[in-house]
């Protein structure tokens, strides 16, 4: 019996596609976001800032910490509310960087690893903050700023303190 080359090629193509899909679905999480700082030239009064408001290393990470709390920040460029909340988060980052894992999601350019976080915690408005304790319990998961005044970190600080 002569092998059907076309059927063999299709079967091989399907198997390779499935292997690739499984590899993508089981992406190994990278290291947590670190060295968070504000992007230059942010506007805190209008939507004119073209850059995502937070810069740092490993911003594509999308994993929750297993041994301590995680805070997830969702936002975009061109949003002064996102810039103001980013300013609060970056201001508190040095105090909590060794106690809480930070995940920063640019909703216009999320990594594959961050998509599950978007599906589970993003509320459809920016900015959104989610705080998950070390046991995986959601302590806070809401859209909007955590304070009405620029620079006021007291509410966000209370949330981060409650997560440790």
N, C-alpha and C. Protein backbone atom coordinates (compact mmCIF):
# COMPACT_ATOMS: atom_id res chain seq x y z
N UNK A 1 0.84 -1.16 0.00
CA UNK A 1 0.00 0.00 0.00
C UNK A 1 0.90 1.24 0.00
N UNK A 2 0.55 2.20 -0.82
CA UNK A 2 1.32 3.41 -0.98
C UNK A 2 0.85 4.46 0.04
N UNK A 3 1.79 5.10 0.77
CA UNK A 3 1.38 6.10 1.77
C UNK A 3 0.81 7.35 1.09
N UNK A 4 -0.19 7.93 1.75
CA UNK A 4 -0.82 9.15 1.26
C UNK A 4 0.00 10.35 1.77
N UNK A 5 0.82 10.91 0.92
CA UNK A 5 1.73 11.98 1.30
C UNK A 5 0.95 13.21 1.77
N UNK A 6 -0.13 13.53 1.11
CA UNK A 6 -0.92 14.71 1.48
C UNK A 6 -1.51 14.54 2.89
N UNK A 7 -2.05 13.39 3.20
CA UNK A 7 -2.63 13.14 4.52
C UNK A 7 -1.54 13.15 5.59
N UNK A 8 -0.38 12.60 5.26
CA UNK A 8 0.74 12.60 6.19
C UNK A 8 1.22 14.03 6.48
N UNK A 9 1.27 14.86 5.47
CA UNK A 9 1.68 16.26 5.64
C UNK A 9 0.68 17.02 6.50
N UNK A 10 -0.59 16.80 6.29
CA UNK A 10 -1.63 17.46 7.08
C UNK A 10 -1.55 17.00 8.53
N UNK A 11 -1.40 15.70 8.75
CA UNK A 11 -1.29 15.17 10.11
C UNK A 11 -0.08 15.75 10.82
N UNK A 12 1.05 15.81 10.14
CA UNK A 12 2.26 16.37 10.73
C UNK A 12 2.05 17.84 11.08
N UNK A 13 1.40 18.57 10.21
CA UNK A 13 1.13 19.99 10.44
C UNK A 13 0.25 20.19 11.67
N UNK A 14 -0.75 19.35 11.83
CA UNK A 14 -1.65 19.43 12.98
C UNK A 14 -0.89 19.14 14.27
N UNK A 15 -0.06 18.12 14.26
CA UNK A 15 0.72 17.75 15.45
C UNK A 15 1.66 18.89 15.83
N UNK A 16 2.35 19.47 14.88
CA UNK A 16 3.27 20.57 15.16
C UNK A 16 2.51 21.76 15.73
N UNK A 17 1.34 22.06 15.16
CA UNK A 17 0.51 23.16 15.66
C UNK A 17 0.07 22.90 17.09
N UNK A 18 -0.34 21.70 17.41
CA UNK A 18 -0.76 21.37 18.76
C UNK A 18 0.40 21.47 19.75
N UNK A 19 1.56 21.01 19.37
CA UNK A 19 2.73 21.11 20.24
C UNK A 19 3.05 22.58 20.51
N UNK A 20 3.01 23.40 19.48
CA UNK A 20 3.28 24.83 19.63
C UNK A 20 2.24 25.48 20.54
N UNK A 21 0.96 25.13 20.38
CA UNK A 21 -0.11 25.69 21.22
C UNK A 21 0.09 25.29 22.69
N UNK A 22 0.46 24.05 22.93
CA UNK A 22 0.70 23.59 24.31
C UNK A 22 1.89 24.33 24.91
N UNK A 23 2.93 24.53 24.12
CA UNK A 23 4.10 25.26 24.62
C UNK A 23 3.72 26.70 24.98
N UNK A 24 2.90 27.34 24.17
CA UNK A 24 2.47 28.71 24.48
C UNK A 24 1.59 28.75 25.72
N UNK A 25 0.71 27.78 25.86
CA UNK A 25 -0.21 27.77 26.99
C UNK A 25 0.50 27.51 28.31
N UNK A 26 1.64 26.84 28.26
CA UNK A 26 2.38 26.53 29.48
C UNK A 26 3.63 27.39 29.60
N UNK A 27 3.54 28.61 29.09
CA UNK A 27 4.68 29.53 29.15
C UNK A 27 5.17 29.65 30.59
N UNK A 28 6.45 29.50 30.78
CA UNK A 28 7.04 29.61 32.10
C UNK A 28 7.11 31.08 32.48
N UNK A 29 6.57 31.43 33.65
CA UNK A 29 6.60 32.84 34.03
C UNK A 29 8.02 33.33 34.22
N UNK A 30 8.23 34.56 33.82
CA UNK A 30 9.54 35.17 33.98
C UNK A 30 9.69 35.78 35.36
N UNK A 31 10.80 36.44 35.56
CA UNK A 31 11.00 37.10 36.85
C UNK A 31 10.03 38.25 37.03
N UNK A 32 9.76 38.65 38.27
CA UNK A 32 8.81 39.73 38.52
C UNK A 32 9.32 41.07 38.01
N UNK A 33 8.40 42.00 37.81
CA UNK A 33 8.76 43.35 37.42
C UNK A 33 9.62 43.99 38.51
N UNK A 34 10.66 44.67 38.10
CA UNK A 34 11.56 45.34 39.05
C UNK A 34 11.95 46.71 38.53
N UNK A 35 12.61 47.47 39.39
CA UNK A 35 13.14 48.78 39.04
C UNK A 35 12.06 49.70 38.45
N UNK A 36 10.88 49.70 39.07
CA UNK A 36 9.78 50.50 38.56
C UNK A 36 10.06 51.99 38.74
N UNK A 37 9.78 52.74 37.69
CA UNK A 37 9.92 54.19 37.73
C UNK A 37 8.92 54.80 36.76
N UNK A 38 8.65 56.07 36.93
CA UNK A 38 7.72 56.75 36.04
C UNK A 38 8.39 57.05 34.71
N UNK A 39 7.61 56.92 33.65
CA UNK A 39 8.09 57.29 32.32
C UNK A 39 8.27 58.80 32.27
N UNK A 40 9.16 59.29 31.43
CA UNK A 40 9.35 60.74 31.34
C UNK A 40 8.17 61.42 30.63
N UNK A 41 8.03 62.69 30.91
CA UNK A 41 7.07 63.56 30.21
C UNK A 41 5.61 63.12 30.37
N UNK A 42 5.25 62.64 31.56
CA UNK A 42 3.85 62.29 31.81
C UNK A 42 3.04 63.54 32.10
N UNK A 43 1.80 63.53 31.68
CA UNK A 43 0.87 64.60 32.04
C UNK A 43 -0.07 64.05 33.10
N UNK A 44 -0.29 64.83 34.14
CA UNK A 44 -1.20 64.42 35.21
C UNK A 44 -2.49 65.23 35.17
N UNK A 45 -2.69 65.99 34.10
CA UNK A 45 -3.89 66.84 33.99
C UNK A 45 -4.68 66.62 32.71
N UNK A 46 -4.10 65.90 31.75
CA UNK A 46 -4.84 65.60 30.52
C UNK A 46 -4.32 64.28 29.94
N UNK A 47 -4.89 63.87 28.84
CA UNK A 47 -4.56 62.56 28.25
C UNK A 47 -3.51 62.65 27.14
N UNK A 48 -2.54 63.55 27.29
CA UNK A 48 -1.58 63.78 26.22
C UNK A 48 -0.31 62.93 26.29
N UNK A 49 -0.12 62.16 27.34
CA UNK A 49 1.11 61.37 27.48
C UNK A 49 1.09 60.17 26.54
N UNK A 50 2.00 60.13 25.56
CA UNK A 50 1.98 59.03 24.59
C UNK A 50 2.61 57.73 25.09
N UNK A 51 3.35 57.78 26.20
CA UNK A 51 4.05 56.60 26.70
C UNK A 51 3.29 55.97 27.86
N UNK A 52 3.44 54.64 27.97
CA UNK A 52 2.90 53.96 29.14
C UNK A 52 3.59 54.55 30.36
N UNK A 53 2.87 54.79 31.46
CA UNK A 53 3.43 55.57 32.56
C UNK A 53 4.49 54.89 33.43
N UNK A 54 4.62 53.57 33.35
CA UNK A 54 5.60 52.88 34.20
C UNK A 54 6.65 52.22 33.31
N UNK A 55 7.89 52.44 33.69
CA UNK A 55 9.02 51.77 33.05
C UNK A 55 9.69 50.88 34.08
N UNK A 56 10.41 49.88 33.63
CA UNK A 56 11.13 49.00 34.53
C UNK A 56 11.62 47.77 33.80
N UNK A 57 12.08 46.82 34.57
CA UNK A 57 12.56 45.56 34.01
C UNK A 57 11.48 44.49 34.19
N UNK A 58 11.43 43.56 33.26
CA UNK A 58 10.54 42.38 33.32
C UNK A 58 9.06 42.77 33.37
N UNK A 59 8.69 43.79 32.63
CA UNK A 59 7.29 44.24 32.65
C UNK A 59 6.36 43.27 31.92
N UNK A 60 6.88 42.27 31.25
CA UNK A 60 6.02 41.29 30.58
C UNK A 60 5.60 40.15 31.50
N UNK A 61 6.09 40.13 32.74
CA UNK A 61 5.73 39.08 33.68
C UNK A 61 4.22 39.06 33.90
N UNK A 62 3.67 37.87 34.00
CA UNK A 62 2.24 37.74 34.25
C UNK A 62 1.92 36.71 35.30
N UNK A 63 2.87 36.41 36.18
CA UNK A 63 2.66 35.38 37.18
C UNK A 63 2.37 35.98 38.54
N UNK A 64 1.49 35.30 39.27
CA UNK A 64 1.26 35.66 40.67
C UNK A 64 2.34 35.00 41.51
N UNK A 65 2.73 35.67 42.58
CA UNK A 65 3.73 35.10 43.48
C UNK A 65 3.12 33.94 44.26
N UNK A 66 3.92 32.92 44.52
CA UNK A 66 3.45 31.78 45.31
C UNK A 66 3.69 31.97 46.80
N UNK A 67 4.67 32.78 47.14
CA UNK A 67 5.07 32.88 48.54
C UNK A 67 4.81 34.24 49.18
N UNK A 68 4.30 35.18 48.43
CA UNK A 68 3.92 36.47 48.99
C UNK A 68 2.87 37.14 48.13
N UNK A 69 2.40 38.29 48.53
CA UNK A 69 1.31 38.97 47.85
C UNK A 69 1.75 39.51 46.49
N UNK A 70 0.75 39.78 45.65
CA UNK A 70 0.98 40.35 44.33
C UNK A 70 0.04 41.53 44.13
N UNK A 71 0.56 42.60 43.57
CA UNK A 71 -0.28 43.72 43.14
C UNK A 71 -0.18 43.79 41.62
N UNK A 72 -1.35 43.89 40.97
CA UNK A 72 -1.40 43.97 39.51
C UNK A 72 -1.93 45.34 39.14
N UNK A 73 -1.20 46.04 38.27
CA UNK A 73 -1.58 47.35 37.79
C UNK A 73 -1.94 47.23 36.31
N UNK A 74 -3.17 47.63 35.95
CA UNK A 74 -3.62 47.63 34.56
C UNK A 74 -3.80 49.07 34.11
N UNK A 75 -3.26 49.42 32.96
CA UNK A 75 -3.44 50.77 32.45
C UNK A 75 -2.99 50.88 31.00
N UNK A 76 -3.02 52.13 30.50
CA UNK A 76 -2.57 52.43 29.15
C UNK A 76 -1.91 53.80 29.13
N UNK A 77 -1.31 54.11 28.01
CA UNK A 77 -0.82 55.47 27.78
C UNK A 77 -2.03 56.35 27.50
N UNK A 78 -1.81 57.64 27.40
CA UNK A 78 -2.86 58.61 27.06
C UNK A 78 -4.02 58.61 28.05
N UNK A 79 -3.71 58.44 29.33
CA UNK A 79 -4.76 58.47 30.36
C UNK A 79 -4.17 59.09 31.61
N UNK A 80 -4.62 60.27 31.97
CA UNK A 80 -4.06 60.95 33.14
C UNK A 80 -4.42 60.23 34.43
N UNK A 81 -5.57 59.55 34.49
CA UNK A 81 -5.91 58.77 35.69
C UNK A 81 -4.92 57.62 35.88
N UNK A 82 -4.57 56.96 34.79
CA UNK A 82 -3.58 55.89 34.85
C UNK A 82 -2.23 56.45 35.29
N UNK A 83 -1.85 57.61 34.77
CA UNK A 83 -0.58 58.23 35.14
C UNK A 83 -0.56 58.57 36.63
N UNK A 84 -1.67 59.09 37.15
CA UNK A 84 -1.72 59.45 38.57
C UNK A 84 -1.63 58.21 39.47
N UNK A 85 -2.33 57.13 39.09
CA UNK A 85 -2.26 55.90 39.89
C UNK A 85 -0.88 55.26 39.76
N UNK A 86 -0.28 55.34 38.58
CA UNK A 86 1.08 54.83 38.38
C UNK A 86 2.06 55.59 39.27
N UNK A 87 1.86 56.89 39.40
CA UNK A 87 2.72 57.70 40.26
C UNK A 87 2.64 57.21 41.71
N UNK A 88 1.43 56.89 42.17
CA UNK A 88 1.27 56.37 43.54
C UNK A 88 2.00 55.03 43.70
N UNK A 89 1.79 54.14 42.73
CA UNK A 89 2.39 52.82 42.80
C UNK A 89 3.92 52.90 42.79
N UNK A 90 4.46 53.70 41.90
CA UNK A 90 5.91 53.85 41.81
C UNK A 90 6.47 54.50 43.08
N UNK A 91 5.73 55.42 43.66
CA UNK A 91 6.17 56.05 44.90
C UNK A 91 6.28 55.04 46.04
N UNK A 92 5.35 54.06 46.08
CA UNK A 92 5.36 53.05 47.14
C UNK A 92 6.26 51.85 46.82
N UNK A 93 6.62 51.69 45.57
CA UNK A 93 7.40 50.53 45.14
C UNK A 93 8.66 50.29 46.00
N UNK A 94 9.51 51.30 46.28
CA UNK A 94 10.72 51.01 47.06
C UNK A 94 10.43 50.41 48.43
N UNK A 95 9.33 50.79 49.05
CA UNK A 95 8.99 50.29 50.38
C UNK A 95 8.52 48.83 50.34
N UNK A 96 7.89 48.42 49.24
CA UNK A 96 7.26 47.09 49.18
C UNK A 96 7.92 46.12 48.21
N UNK A 97 8.95 46.55 47.50
CA UNK A 97 9.51 45.71 46.43
C UNK A 97 10.03 44.36 46.91
N UNK A 98 10.43 44.24 48.16
CA UNK A 98 10.91 42.96 48.68
C UNK A 98 9.83 42.17 49.43
N UNK A 99 8.63 42.72 49.49
CA UNK A 99 7.54 42.09 50.22
C UNK A 99 6.36 41.70 49.34
N UNK A 100 6.22 42.39 48.22
CA UNK A 100 5.08 42.19 47.32
C UNK A 100 5.61 42.09 45.90
N UNK A 101 5.05 41.18 45.12
CA UNK A 101 5.41 41.08 43.71
C UNK A 101 4.56 42.06 42.92
N UNK A 102 5.19 42.82 42.04
CA UNK A 102 4.49 43.80 41.20
C UNK A 102 4.36 43.26 39.79
N UNK A 103 3.14 43.32 39.26
CA UNK A 103 2.88 42.97 37.87
C UNK A 103 2.27 44.20 37.22
N UNK A 104 2.86 44.63 36.11
CA UNK A 104 2.44 45.85 35.43
C UNK A 104 1.98 45.47 34.03
N UNK A 105 0.70 45.77 33.71
CA UNK A 105 0.12 45.34 32.44
C UNK A 105 -0.26 46.56 31.61
N UNK A 106 0.41 46.71 30.48
CA UNK A 106 0.03 47.71 29.49
C UNK A 106 -1.05 47.05 28.63
N UNK A 107 -2.28 47.47 28.79
CA UNK A 107 -3.40 46.81 28.11
C UNK A 107 -3.33 46.91 26.59
N UNK A 108 -2.55 47.81 26.07
CA UNK A 108 -2.39 47.92 24.61
C UNK A 108 -1.32 46.97 24.09
N UNK A 109 -0.45 46.48 24.99
CA UNK A 109 0.64 45.58 24.59
C UNK A 109 0.86 44.51 25.64
N UNK A 110 -0.18 43.76 26.02
CA UNK A 110 0.04 42.73 27.06
C UNK A 110 0.86 41.57 26.51
N UNK A 111 1.62 40.97 27.40
CA UNK A 111 2.34 39.75 27.01
C UNK A 111 1.35 38.58 27.04
N UNK A 112 1.73 37.50 26.43
CA UNK A 112 0.90 36.30 26.46
C UNK A 112 0.68 35.84 27.90
N UNK A 113 1.72 35.97 28.72
CA UNK A 113 1.62 35.54 30.12
C UNK A 113 0.63 36.40 30.91
N UNK A 114 0.38 37.63 30.47
CA UNK A 114 -0.52 38.53 31.19
C UNK A 114 -1.99 38.37 30.79
N UNK A 115 -2.26 37.67 29.71
CA UNK A 115 -3.63 37.56 29.21
C UNK A 115 -4.57 36.92 30.22
N UNK A 116 -4.12 35.90 30.93
CA UNK A 116 -4.97 35.26 31.95
C UNK A 116 -5.30 36.23 33.07
N UNK A 117 -4.35 37.09 33.42
CA UNK A 117 -4.60 38.10 34.45
C UNK A 117 -5.64 39.11 33.98
N UNK A 118 -5.56 39.50 32.73
CA UNK A 118 -6.55 40.42 32.16
C UNK A 118 -7.93 39.79 32.22
N UNK A 119 -8.01 38.54 31.79
CA UNK A 119 -9.30 37.85 31.79
C UNK A 119 -9.90 37.73 33.19
N UNK A 120 -9.05 37.55 34.17
CA UNK A 120 -9.56 37.31 35.53
C UNK A 120 -9.75 38.57 36.37
N UNK A 121 -8.85 39.55 36.24
CA UNK A 121 -8.87 40.68 37.17
C UNK A 121 -9.19 42.03 36.56
N UNK A 122 -9.04 42.19 35.28
CA UNK A 122 -9.28 43.50 34.66
C UNK A 122 -10.78 43.80 34.61
N UNK A 123 -11.17 44.99 35.02
CA UNK A 123 -12.58 45.35 35.15
C UNK A 123 -13.13 46.19 34.00
N UNK A 124 -12.37 46.38 32.94
CA UNK A 124 -12.88 47.10 31.78
C UNK A 124 -12.63 48.59 31.79
N UNK A 125 -12.10 49.11 32.86
CA UNK A 125 -11.79 50.54 32.96
C UNK A 125 -10.37 50.70 33.48
N UNK A 126 -9.78 51.85 33.16
CA UNK A 126 -8.41 52.11 33.61
C UNK A 126 -8.38 53.31 34.52
N UNK A 127 -7.48 53.28 35.46
CA UNK A 127 -6.63 52.17 35.86
C UNK A 127 -7.41 51.14 36.69
N UNK A 128 -6.95 49.93 36.69
CA UNK A 128 -7.47 48.89 37.57
C UNK A 128 -6.30 48.37 38.40
N UNK A 129 -6.57 48.20 39.69
CA UNK A 129 -5.58 47.62 40.61
C UNK A 129 -6.19 46.35 41.20
N UNK A 130 -5.42 45.28 41.22
CA UNK A 130 -5.82 44.05 41.91
C UNK A 130 -4.73 43.71 42.92
N UNK A 131 -5.14 43.41 44.14
CA UNK A 131 -4.20 43.01 45.19
C UNK A 131 -4.59 41.61 45.64
N UNK A 132 -3.65 40.68 45.54
CA UNK A 132 -3.89 39.28 45.88
C UNK A 132 -2.91 38.90 46.99
N UNK A 133 -3.43 38.33 48.08
CA UNK A 133 -2.54 37.98 49.18
C UNK A 133 -1.76 36.70 48.86
N UNK A 134 -0.89 36.30 49.78
CA UNK A 134 -0.01 35.15 49.53
C UNK A 134 -0.75 33.83 49.42
N UNK A 135 -1.99 33.78 49.92
CA UNK A 135 -2.80 32.57 49.81
C UNK A 135 -3.64 32.57 48.53
N UNK A 136 -3.54 33.63 47.73
CA UNK A 136 -4.30 33.70 46.49
C UNK A 136 -5.66 34.36 46.63
N UNK A 137 -5.96 34.88 47.81
CA UNK A 137 -7.24 35.54 48.05
C UNK A 137 -7.20 36.97 47.50
N UNK A 138 -8.23 37.35 46.75
CA UNK A 138 -8.31 38.69 46.21
C UNK A 138 -8.75 39.64 47.32
N UNK A 139 -7.89 40.59 47.64
CA UNK A 139 -8.19 41.57 48.68
C UNK A 139 -8.81 42.84 48.10
N UNK A 140 -8.46 43.13 46.85
CA UNK A 140 -8.94 44.35 46.20
C UNK A 140 -8.86 44.11 44.71
N UNK A 141 -9.88 44.51 43.99
CA UNK A 141 -9.93 44.29 42.55
C UNK A 141 -10.93 45.30 41.97
N UNK A 142 -10.47 46.54 41.77
CA UNK A 142 -11.39 47.59 41.34
C UNK A 142 -10.72 48.51 40.32
N UNK A 143 -11.57 49.11 39.51
CA UNK A 143 -11.12 50.13 38.57
C UNK A 143 -11.22 51.50 39.22
N UNK A 144 -10.42 52.43 38.73
CA UNK A 144 -10.42 53.79 39.22
C UNK A 144 -9.23 54.05 40.11
N UNK A 145 -9.01 55.32 40.38
CA UNK A 145 -7.90 55.70 41.24
C UNK A 145 -8.19 55.33 42.68
N UNK A 146 -7.16 55.07 43.45
CA UNK A 146 -7.31 54.72 44.86
C UNK A 146 -7.41 55.97 45.74
N UNK A 147 -7.25 57.16 45.17
CA UNK A 147 -7.37 58.42 45.91
C UNK A 147 -7.84 59.50 44.94
N UNK A 148 -8.40 60.56 45.48
CA UNK A 148 -8.89 61.64 44.63
C UNK A 148 -7.85 62.75 44.43
N UNK A 149 -6.84 62.78 45.29
CA UNK A 149 -5.81 63.81 45.19
C UNK A 149 -4.51 63.22 44.65
N UNK A 150 -3.89 63.95 43.75
CA UNK A 150 -2.60 63.51 43.20
C UNK A 150 -1.58 63.40 44.33
N UNK A 151 -0.82 62.32 44.34
CA UNK A 151 0.21 62.13 45.34
C UNK A 151 -0.25 61.47 46.63
N UNK A 152 -1.56 61.34 46.82
CA UNK A 152 -2.08 60.71 48.04
C UNK A 152 -1.96 59.19 47.90
N UNK A 153 -1.04 58.62 48.65
CA UNK A 153 -0.81 57.18 48.58
C UNK A 153 -1.42 56.42 49.76
N UNK A 154 -2.14 57.11 50.64
CA UNK A 154 -2.59 56.48 51.89
C UNK A 154 -3.49 55.27 51.65
N UNK A 155 -4.45 55.36 50.74
CA UNK A 155 -5.33 54.21 50.50
C UNK A 155 -4.59 53.04 49.86
N UNK A 156 -3.76 53.33 48.89
CA UNK A 156 -2.98 52.27 48.25
C UNK A 156 -2.01 51.65 49.25
N UNK A 157 -1.42 52.45 50.10
CA UNK A 157 -0.51 51.92 51.12
C UNK A 157 -1.26 50.99 52.07
N UNK A 158 -2.47 51.34 52.46
CA UNK A 158 -3.28 50.47 53.33
C UNK A 158 -3.56 49.13 52.63
N UNK A 159 -3.87 49.19 51.34
CA UNK A 159 -4.12 47.96 50.59
C UNK A 159 -2.87 47.07 50.57
N UNK A 160 -1.73 47.68 50.31
CA UNK A 160 -0.49 46.90 50.24
C UNK A 160 -0.11 46.35 51.62
N UNK A 161 -0.35 47.15 52.66
CA UNK A 161 -0.08 46.66 54.02
C UNK A 161 -0.98 45.47 54.37
N UNK A 162 -2.23 45.50 53.91
CA UNK A 162 -3.16 44.41 54.23
C UNK A 162 -2.81 43.12 53.50
N UNK A 163 -2.02 43.23 52.45
CA UNK A 163 -1.68 42.06 51.63
C UNK A 163 -0.47 41.30 52.14
N UNK A 164 0.32 41.88 53.00
CA UNK A 164 1.57 41.24 53.40
C UNK A 164 1.36 40.12 54.37
